[in-house]
Amino acid sequence: MAVKPILPPAMLGILGGGQLGRMFAVAAKTMGYRVTVLDPDAKAPAADFADVHIAKPYNDPDALAELARSCAAITTEFENVNAESMRWLAGQGVPVSPSGDCVAIAQDRVAEKTFIRNAGLATAPFLPVQTAADLEGDLAAYLPGILKTARLGYDGKGQVRVKTVDEARAALSDLKHQPCVLEKMMPLVAEVSVIVTRTRAGEVTSFPPAENEHAGGILDVSIVPARIGAAITERARSMAMQLAEALDYVGVLAVEFFILDGDELVINEMAPRPHNSGHYTLDATLTSQFEQQVRAMCGLYPGKTDLLRPVVMVNLLGDSWGANGAEPNWDVLLTAPNAKLHLYGKTEARSGRKMGHFNVLADSTDAALEQAQAIKDMLG
């Protein structure tokens, strides 16, 4: 099906004005588009680069009407946006990507894991937990496990590790009996993610998998190329694209995988947007994940995803700032000619808050990783 492309200087809308929205706005503006950001935060980082910032709630009728009236296409930067707002916008005849239906699936871990399994793709064993009664009976297939809230969990929040039925029941109580999912803990060899781009015309591409290491439930380092075999690399890319096809997805989709013993590959979760683990693409691939987001929503063919050099991405959290808000030792980073700093324009540094990242490009992943770690250690 031929899709008429949306060309500059059209106005593009985005729901959410955090760092992902900021990097989307930079990509869109670089390509000649104009950008409207809807975010209730008057200091939203994306507003620095937006032509229009609507500082209202995501379900505000007037704000949504303004988006529908002024934007040629609309996207989102996070999955916890109001899915009904996205459906309403689509109902006004504006191309919305991803769809509200895809976002709704990604908002609920039970719906997400069920969809993935029904698409013929592997997940860890999981049990939907709506009430304490769901934790009665034989839970051997799910223990030891992790009890996760079905909605609104991210960066390790809303998750409790449990070894026994009693611990699972106590964890459900601690989580205030919210709907949850009990997921079997798997013997991990590594964690990787694949960023997929799919257009309305069904054109699909994927970036090289990133090997991810976490600290405190938050992504710490991404290594590309991932230190995994060629066969499992291609299988991860194929599974991610299969999921995008099953969703009839339009936009940028991040798919996180667990690699188990024997090179078994299971999908952990998905994110209907660009992803922290794809930030390496800003410097190390022919096209960034944010340009791909623009291309997909505008009906343009996805850009090439070739890796230019091995790269390591390091998250910069508020912990790197001094207790009085003192800046890290940027001189260490900015005097390294193969290191690229990306700050998100956030005014307050808090522990665990993502303030920026940097990429180190080198001749090998080992060299990039060694230098990236050295820079991180000296930042402060």
Protein backbone atom coordinates (compact mmCIF):
# COMPACT_ATOMS: atom_id res chain seq x y z
CA MET A 1 0.00 0.00 0.00
CA ALA A 2 1.44 3.33 -1.07
CA VAL A 3 1.58 5.90 1.73
CA LYS A 4 1.85 9.57 0.87
CA PRO A 5 4.83 10.86 2.85
CA ILE A 6 4.61 13.79 5.25
CA LEU A 7 7.38 16.20 4.32
CA PRO A 8 9.02 19.23 5.97
CA PRO A 9 8.07 21.77 7.20
CA ALA A 10 5.01 19.89 8.52
CA MET A 11 4.24 20.09 12.24
CA LEU A 12 4.80 16.84 14.17
CA GLY A 13 3.29 16.26 17.61
CA ILE A 14 4.64 14.22 20.49
CA LEU A 15 2.99 13.21 23.75
CA GLY A 16 5.63 13.59 26.43
CA GLY A 17 8.46 16.04 26.84
CA GLY A 18 11.19 14.10 28.64
CA GLN A 19 14.61 13.22 27.29
CA LEU A 20 13.23 10.91 24.60
CA GLY A 21 10.93 13.68 23.42
CA ARG A 22 13.86 16.08 23.48
CA MET A 23 15.99 13.86 21.24
CA PHE A 24 13.02 13.28 18.94
CA ALA A 25 12.55 17.04 18.64
CA VAL A 26 16.23 17.53 17.76
CA ALA A 27 16.00 14.88 15.04
CA ALA A 28 12.76 16.30 13.64
CA LYS A 29 14.03 19.88 13.65
CA THR A 30 17.28 18.81 11.99
CA MET A 31 15.23 17.25 9.20
CA GLY A 32 13.25 20.47 8.74
CA TYR A 33 10.03 19.61 10.56
CA ARG A 34 8.35 21.68 13.23
CA VAL A 35 7.46 20.14 16.60
CA THR A 36 4.63 20.48 19.12
CA VAL A 37 5.20 18.91 22.55
CA LEU A 38 2.32 18.09 24.90
CA ASP A 39 3.63 17.77 28.46
CA PRO A 40 2.17 19.21 31.68
CA ASP A 41 5.64 20.04 33.03
CA ALA A 42 6.50 23.67 32.34
CA LYS A 43 10.19 22.70 32.43
CA ALA A 44 9.89 19.65 30.16
CA PRO A 45 13.32 18.99 28.56
CA ALA A 46 11.82 18.64 25.06
CA ALA A 47 10.36 22.15 25.28
CA ASP A 48 13.86 23.57 24.70
CA PHE A 49 13.67 22.40 21.09
CA ALA A 50 9.93 22.56 20.41
CA ASP A 51 8.18 25.18 18.30
CA VAL A 52 5.11 24.82 20.52
CA HIS A 53 4.85 23.51 24.08
CA ILE A 54 1.35 22.76 25.35
CA ALA A 55 1.73 22.55 29.13
CA LYS A 56 -1.47 20.66 29.86
CA PRO A 57 -2.41 17.09 30.93
CA TYR A 58 -2.29 14.34 28.32
CA ASN A 59 -6.06 13.91 28.41
CA ASP A 60 -6.93 17.63 28.31
CA PRO A 61 -9.64 18.03 25.61
CA ASP A 62 -8.44 21.46 24.47
CA ALA A 63 -4.83 20.30 24.24
CA LEU A 64 -5.77 17.22 22.25
CA ALA A 65 -7.95 19.28 19.94
CA GLU A 66 -5.04 21.65 19.31
CA LEU A 67 -2.78 18.71 18.48
CA ALA A 68 -5.34 17.23 16.10
CA ARG A 69 -5.83 20.59 14.41
CA SER A 70 -2.20 21.60 14.01
CA CYS A 71 -0.17 18.38 13.59
CA ALA A 72 0.29 16.27 10.47
CA ALA A 73 1.27 13.22 12.56
CA ILE A 74 1.59 12.38 16.25
CA THR A 75 3.76 10.02 18.30
CA THR A 76 4.67 9.40 21.94
CA GLU A 77 7.85 9.17 23.99
CA PHE A 78 6.59 6.93 26.78
CA GLU A 79 4.12 4.09 27.22
CA ASN A 80 2.27 5.45 30.24
CA VAL A 81 0.62 8.17 28.20
CA ASN A 82 -3.18 7.96 28.00
CA ALA A 83 -3.94 5.31 25.35
CA GLU A 84 -7.48 6.66 24.98
CA SER A 85 -6.03 10.06 24.06
CA MET A 86 -4.06 8.39 21.28
CA ARG A 87 -7.16 6.56 20.05
CA TRP A 88 -9.14 9.82 20.07
CA LEU A 89 -6.45 11.60 18.07
CA ALA A 90 -6.41 8.80 15.51
CA GLY A 91 -10.19 9.10 15.29
CA GLN A 92 -9.74 12.70 14.16
CA GLY A 93 -7.94 11.47 11.06
CA VAL A 94 -4.40 12.25 12.23
CA PRO A 95 -1.79 9.50 11.74
CA VAL A 96 -0.84 8.33 15.25
CA SER A 97 2.10 5.99 15.74
CA PRO A 98 2.31 3.73 17.54
CA SER A 99 -1.42 3.10 17.82
CA GLY A 100 -3.27 3.49 21.08
CA ASP A 101 -3.97 -0.24 20.95
CA CYS A 102 -0.23 -1.07 20.86
CA VAL A 103 0.46 1.34 23.70
CA ALA A 104 -2.36 -0.19 25.78
CA ILE A 105 -0.81 -3.64 25.38
CA ALA A 106 2.61 -2.35 26.47
CA GLN A 107 1.08 -0.63 29.51
CA ASP A 108 -0.01 -3.91 31.09
CA ARG A 109 2.52 -6.66 31.72
CA VAL A 110 -0.11 -9.40 31.64
CA ALA A 111 -1.53 -8.20 28.32
CA GLU A 112 1.99 -7.74 26.97
CA LYS A 113 3.29 -11.18 27.92
CA THR A 114 0.07 -12.85 26.77
CA PHE A 115 0.29 -11.12 23.39
CA ILE A 116 3.95 -12.09 22.97
CA ARG A 117 3.19 -15.72 23.78
CA ASN A 118 0.17 -15.77 21.46
CA ALA A 119 2.41 -14.39 18.69
CA GLY A 120 4.44 -17.60 18.94
CA LEU A 121 7.36 -16.03 20.79
CA ALA A 122 8.94 -17.26 24.01
CA THR A 123 8.64 -15.58 27.41
CA ALA A 124 9.60 -16.67 30.90
CA PRO A 125 6.82 -18.66 32.63
CA PHE A 126 4.37 -16.16 34.16
CA LEU A 127 1.21 -16.15 36.26
CA PRO A 128 -1.31 -13.28 36.24
CA VAL A 129 -2.10 -12.27 39.84
CA GLN A 130 -5.31 -10.29 40.22
CA THR A 131 -5.98 -11.21 43.86
CA ALA A 132 -4.35 -13.16 46.68
CA ALA A 133 -6.41 -16.19 45.64
CA ASP A 134 -4.24 -16.48 42.52
CA LEU A 135 -1.28 -17.28 44.79
CA GLU A 136 -2.95 -20.38 46.23
CA GLY A 137 -2.03 -23.82 44.94
CA ASP A 138 1.17 -25.10 43.40
CA LEU A 139 3.44 -22.22 42.27
CA ALA A 140 6.52 -24.36 41.64
CA ALA A 141 6.54 -23.37 37.96
CA TYR A 142 6.97 -19.70 38.89
CA LEU A 143 9.30 -19.79 41.91
CA PRO A 144 11.76 -18.43 42.66
CA GLY A 145 10.36 -15.48 40.80
CA ILE A 146 9.72 -11.77 40.62
CA LEU A 147 6.33 -10.30 41.50
CA LYS A 148 5.81 -7.24 39.29
CA THR A 149 2.99 -4.75 39.23
CA ALA A 150 1.08 -5.17 35.99
CA ARG A 151 1.09 -1.43 35.30
CA LEU A 152 3.36 1.61 35.74
CA GLY A 153 6.54 -0.24 36.67
CA TYR A 154 9.85 0.86 35.14
CA ASP A 155 13.56 0.96 36.01
CA GLY A 156 13.10 -1.79 38.58
CA LYS A 157 10.19 -0.08 40.38
CA GLY A 158 7.19 -2.14 41.44
CA GLN A 159 9.16 -5.40 41.52
CA VAL A 160 9.85 -7.78 44.42
CA ARG A 161 11.96 -10.94 44.27
CA VAL A 162 10.29 -13.90 46.00
CA LYS A 163 11.41 -17.44 46.72
CA THR A 164 8.36 -18.95 48.42
CA VAL A 165 4.57 -18.73 48.33
CA ASP A 166 4.59 -16.89 51.67
CA GLU A 167 7.06 -14.34 50.30
CA ALA A 168 4.89 -13.89 47.21
CA ARG A 169 1.83 -13.21 49.37
CA ALA A 170 3.77 -10.76 51.52
CA ALA A 171 5.06 -9.00 48.41
CA LEU A 172 1.51 -8.69 47.04
CA SER A 173 0.51 -7.04 50.30
CA ASP A 174 3.50 -4.69 50.13
CA LEU A 175 2.42 -3.76 46.59
CA LYS A 176 -1.03 -2.94 48.03
CA HIS A 177 -2.73 -5.80 46.18
CA GLN A 178 -2.38 -4.14 42.80
CA PRO A 179 -2.83 -6.46 39.81
CA CYS A 180 0.54 -8.15 39.28
CA VAL A 181 2.34 -10.83 37.35
CA LEU A 182 4.53 -13.49 38.96
CA GLU A 183 7.38 -14.25 36.61
CA LYS A 184 9.83 -17.13 36.96
CA MET A 185 13.42 -16.01 37.51
CA MET A 186 15.55 -17.40 34.71
CA PRO A 187 19.29 -18.31 34.74
CA LEU A 188 20.55 -15.35 32.74
CA VAL A 189 23.67 -15.45 30.61
CA ALA A 190 23.11 -11.96 29.23
CA GLU A 191 20.45 -9.35 28.49
CA VAL A 192 20.13 -7.79 25.05
CA SER A 193 17.69 -5.48 23.30
CA VAL A 194 16.75 -4.85 19.70
CA ILE A 195 15.27 -1.61 18.35
CA VAL A 196 12.89 -2.17 15.42
CA THR A 197 11.40 0.38 13.03
CA ARG A 198 8.25 -0.44 11.07
CA THR A 199 6.25 1.79 8.72
CA ARG A 200 2.58 1.79 7.71
CA ALA A 201 3.62 0.24 4.42
CA GLY A 202 5.12 -2.69 6.34
CA GLU A 203 8.78 -1.80 5.73
CA VAL A 204 10.78 -3.03 8.70
CA THR A 205 14.39 -2.69 9.83
CA SER A 206 16.29 -3.36 13.05
CA PHE A 207 19.39 -2.00 14.72
CA PRO A 208 22.22 -4.26 15.89
CA PRO A 209 21.39 -5.78 19.30
CA ALA A 210 22.76 -4.00 22.37
CA GLU A 211 24.15 -6.01 25.28
CA ASN A 212 22.84 -4.39 28.45
CA GLU A 213 24.10 -4.31 32.01
CA HIS A 214 21.93 -2.93 34.81
CA ALA A 215 22.63 -1.49 38.26
CA GLY A 216 19.84 -1.14 40.79
CA GLY A 217 17.25 -2.01 38.16
CA ILE A 218 18.36 0.88 35.90
CA LEU A 219 20.28 0.44 32.66
CA ASP A 220 23.93 1.22 33.31
CA VAL A 221 25.86 0.26 30.16
CA SER A 222 24.98 -0.84 26.62
CA ILE A 223 27.63 -2.58 24.51
CA VAL A 224 27.40 -2.80 20.72
CA PRO A 225 28.06 -5.10 19.01
CA ALA A 226 26.71 -7.38 21.70
CA ARG A 227 29.18 -10.08 22.72
CA ILE A 228 26.96 -12.90 21.47
CA GLY A 229 27.15 -15.25 18.51
CA ALA A 230 25.99 -14.44 15.00
CA ALA A 231 23.16 -16.97 15.10
CA ILE A 232 21.60 -15.62 18.29
CA THR A 233 22.08 -12.07 17.01
CA GLU A 234 20.03 -12.82 13.93
CA ARG A 235 17.44 -14.72 15.97
CA ALA A 236 16.95 -11.74 18.30
CA ARG A 237 16.50 -9.38 15.36
CA SER A 238 14.08 -11.80 13.69
CA MET A 239 11.99 -12.26 16.86
CA ALA A 240 11.79 -8.49 17.41
CA MET A 241 10.61 -7.93 13.85
CA GLN A 242 8.12 -10.80 14.17
CA LEU A 243 6.63 -9.09 17.23
CA ALA A 244 6.37 -5.77 15.37
CA GLU A 245 4.56 -7.55 12.53
CA ALA A 246 2.17 -9.30 14.92
CA LEU A 247 1.29 -5.95 16.51
CA ASP A 248 0.88 -4.33 13.08
CA TYR A 249 3.19 -1.81 14.69
CA VAL A 250 4.08 1.58 13.25
CA GLY A 251 7.04 3.45 14.75
CA VAL A 252 10.05 2.51 16.83
CA LEU A 253 9.71 -0.54 19.09
CA ALA A 254 12.27 -1.72 21.65
CA VAL A 255 12.28 -5.43 22.53
CA GLU A 256 14.26 -6.67 25.54
CA PHE A 257 15.52 -10.26 25.66
CA PHE A 258 16.98 -12.66 28.19
CA ILE A 259 19.65 -15.03 26.88
CA LEU A 260 19.61 -18.28 28.85
CA ASP A 261 21.87 -21.33 28.96
CA GLY A 262 22.06 -23.11 25.63
CA ASP A 263 21.49 -19.82 23.77
CA GLU A 264 17.77 -19.97 24.56
CA LEU A 265 16.18 -16.59 23.88
CA VAL A 266 13.05 -15.29 25.65
CA ILE A 267 11.41 -11.88 25.43
CA ASN A 268 11.33 -9.96 28.70
CA GLU A 269 9.32 -6.91 27.68
CA MET A 270 8.77 -4.30 25.00
CA ALA A 271 8.64 -0.52 24.91
CA PRO A 272 6.54 1.25 22.24
CA ARG A 273 9.07 4.04 21.69
CA PRO A 274 12.79 4.72 21.37
CA HIS A 275 14.72 3.18 24.24
CA ASN A 276 17.58 3.99 26.59
CA SER A 277 19.55 1.06 25.16
CA GLY A 278 19.25 2.59 21.68
CA HIS A 279 21.01 5.83 22.56
CA TYR A 280 24.20 4.48 21.01
CA THR A 281 22.54 5.06 17.63
CA LEU A 282 22.93 8.82 18.06
CA ASP A 283 26.64 8.51 17.28
CA ALA A 284 27.40 4.99 16.07
CA THR A 285 24.91 4.15 13.31
CA LEU A 286 24.05 5.74 9.98
CA THR A 287 20.58 6.60 11.28
CA SER A 288 19.56 7.24 14.90
CA GLN A 289 16.52 5.68 16.55
CA PHE A 290 15.00 9.17 16.77
CA GLU A 291 15.36 9.86 13.06
CA GLN A 292 13.72 6.46 12.52
CA GLN A 293 10.84 7.60 14.73
CA VAL A 294 10.39 10.66 12.50
CA ARG A 295 10.66 8.59 9.34
CA ALA A 296 8.13 6.00 10.48
CA MET A 297 5.49 8.51 11.55
CA CYS A 298 5.94 10.47 8.31
CA GLY A 299 5.67 7.47 6.00
CA LEU A 300 9.30 7.64 4.91
CA TYR A 301 11.40 4.54 4.28
CA PRO A 302 13.52 3.68 7.36
CA GLY A 303 17.14 4.79 7.22
CA LYS A 304 20.03 2.34 7.13
CA THR A 305 21.09 0.93 10.50
CA ASP A 306 24.73 0.02 9.75
CA LEU A 307 27.05 0.20 12.75
CA LEU A 308 29.92 2.59 12.04
CA ARG A 309 32.20 1.53 14.93
CA PRO A 310 31.96 -0.49 18.14
CA VAL A 311 30.37 1.65 20.85
CA VAL A 312 29.59 1.66 24.55
CA MET A 313 26.80 3.82 25.99
CA VAL A 314 26.92 4.81 29.68
CA ASN A 315 23.95 6.28 31.53
CA LEU A 316 24.58 9.38 33.61
CA LEU A 317 22.39 9.40 36.71
CA GLY A 318 21.90 12.17 39.24
CA ASP A 319 24.24 10.28 41.59
CA SER A 320 27.19 11.61 39.52
CA TRP A 321 26.34 15.16 40.58
CA GLY A 322 27.56 16.56 43.90
CA ALA A 323 25.33 16.79 46.96
CA ASN A 324 24.96 20.52 46.32
CA GLY A 325 24.20 20.00 42.63
CA ALA A 326 27.82 20.41 41.57
CA GLU A 327 28.44 19.29 37.99
CA PRO A 328 30.51 16.19 37.25
CA ASN A 329 34.05 16.62 35.97
CA TRP A 330 33.05 17.14 32.33
CA ASP A 331 36.62 17.97 31.33
CA VAL A 332 37.50 14.27 31.56
CA LEU A 333 34.80 13.39 29.07
CA LEU A 334 34.92 16.36 26.72
CA THR A 335 38.65 16.12 26.14
CA ALA A 336 38.28 12.52 24.88
CA PRO A 337 37.90 12.98 21.11
CA ASN A 338 36.01 9.69 20.63
CA ALA A 339 33.50 10.28 23.46
CA LYS A 340 30.17 12.02 22.86
CA LEU A 341 28.21 13.68 25.70
CA HIS A 342 24.41 14.01 25.61
CA LEU A 343 22.74 15.94 28.47
CA TYR A 344 18.98 16.06 28.84
CA GLY A 345 18.45 19.62 30.10
CA LYS A 346 17.06 18.60 33.49
CA THR A 347 17.49 21.25 36.16
CA GLU A 348 17.47 19.02 39.25
CA ALA A 349 19.83 16.08 39.74
CA ARG A 350 18.37 13.31 41.94
CA SER A 351 19.66 9.88 42.81
CA GLY A 352 18.62 7.40 40.11
CA ARG A 353 17.34 10.13 37.78
CA LYS A 354 18.58 9.89 34.17
CA MET A 355 20.38 13.15 33.50
CA GLY A 356 22.23 12.22 30.32
CA HIS A 357 24.48 9.64 28.72
CA PHE A 358 27.72 9.39 26.82
CA ASN A 359 28.90 7.19 23.99
CA VAL A 360 32.46 6.00 23.46
CA LEU A 361 33.39 4.77 19.98
CA ALA A 362 36.54 2.68 19.52
CA ASP A 363 38.13 0.01 17.35
CA SER A 364 36.74 -2.81 19.52
CA THR A 365 34.05 -3.29 22.14
CA ASP A 366 36.73 -4.13 24.72
CA ALA A 367 38.57 -0.88 24.05
CA ALA A 368 35.35 1.14 24.15
CA LEU A 369 34.25 -0.54 27.37
CA GLU A 370 37.60 0.03 29.10
CA GLN A 371 37.66 3.71 28.16
CA ALA A 372 34.01 4.25 29.03
CA GLN A 373 34.51 2.77 32.48
CA ALA A 374 37.60 4.90 33.06
CA ILE A 375 35.70 8.06 32.11
CA LYS A 376 32.76 7.12 34.32
CA ASP A 377 35.09 6.53 37.28
CA MET A 378 36.70 9.97 36.87
CA LEU A 379 33.54 11.99 36.35
CA GLY A 380 33.02 12.45 40.05
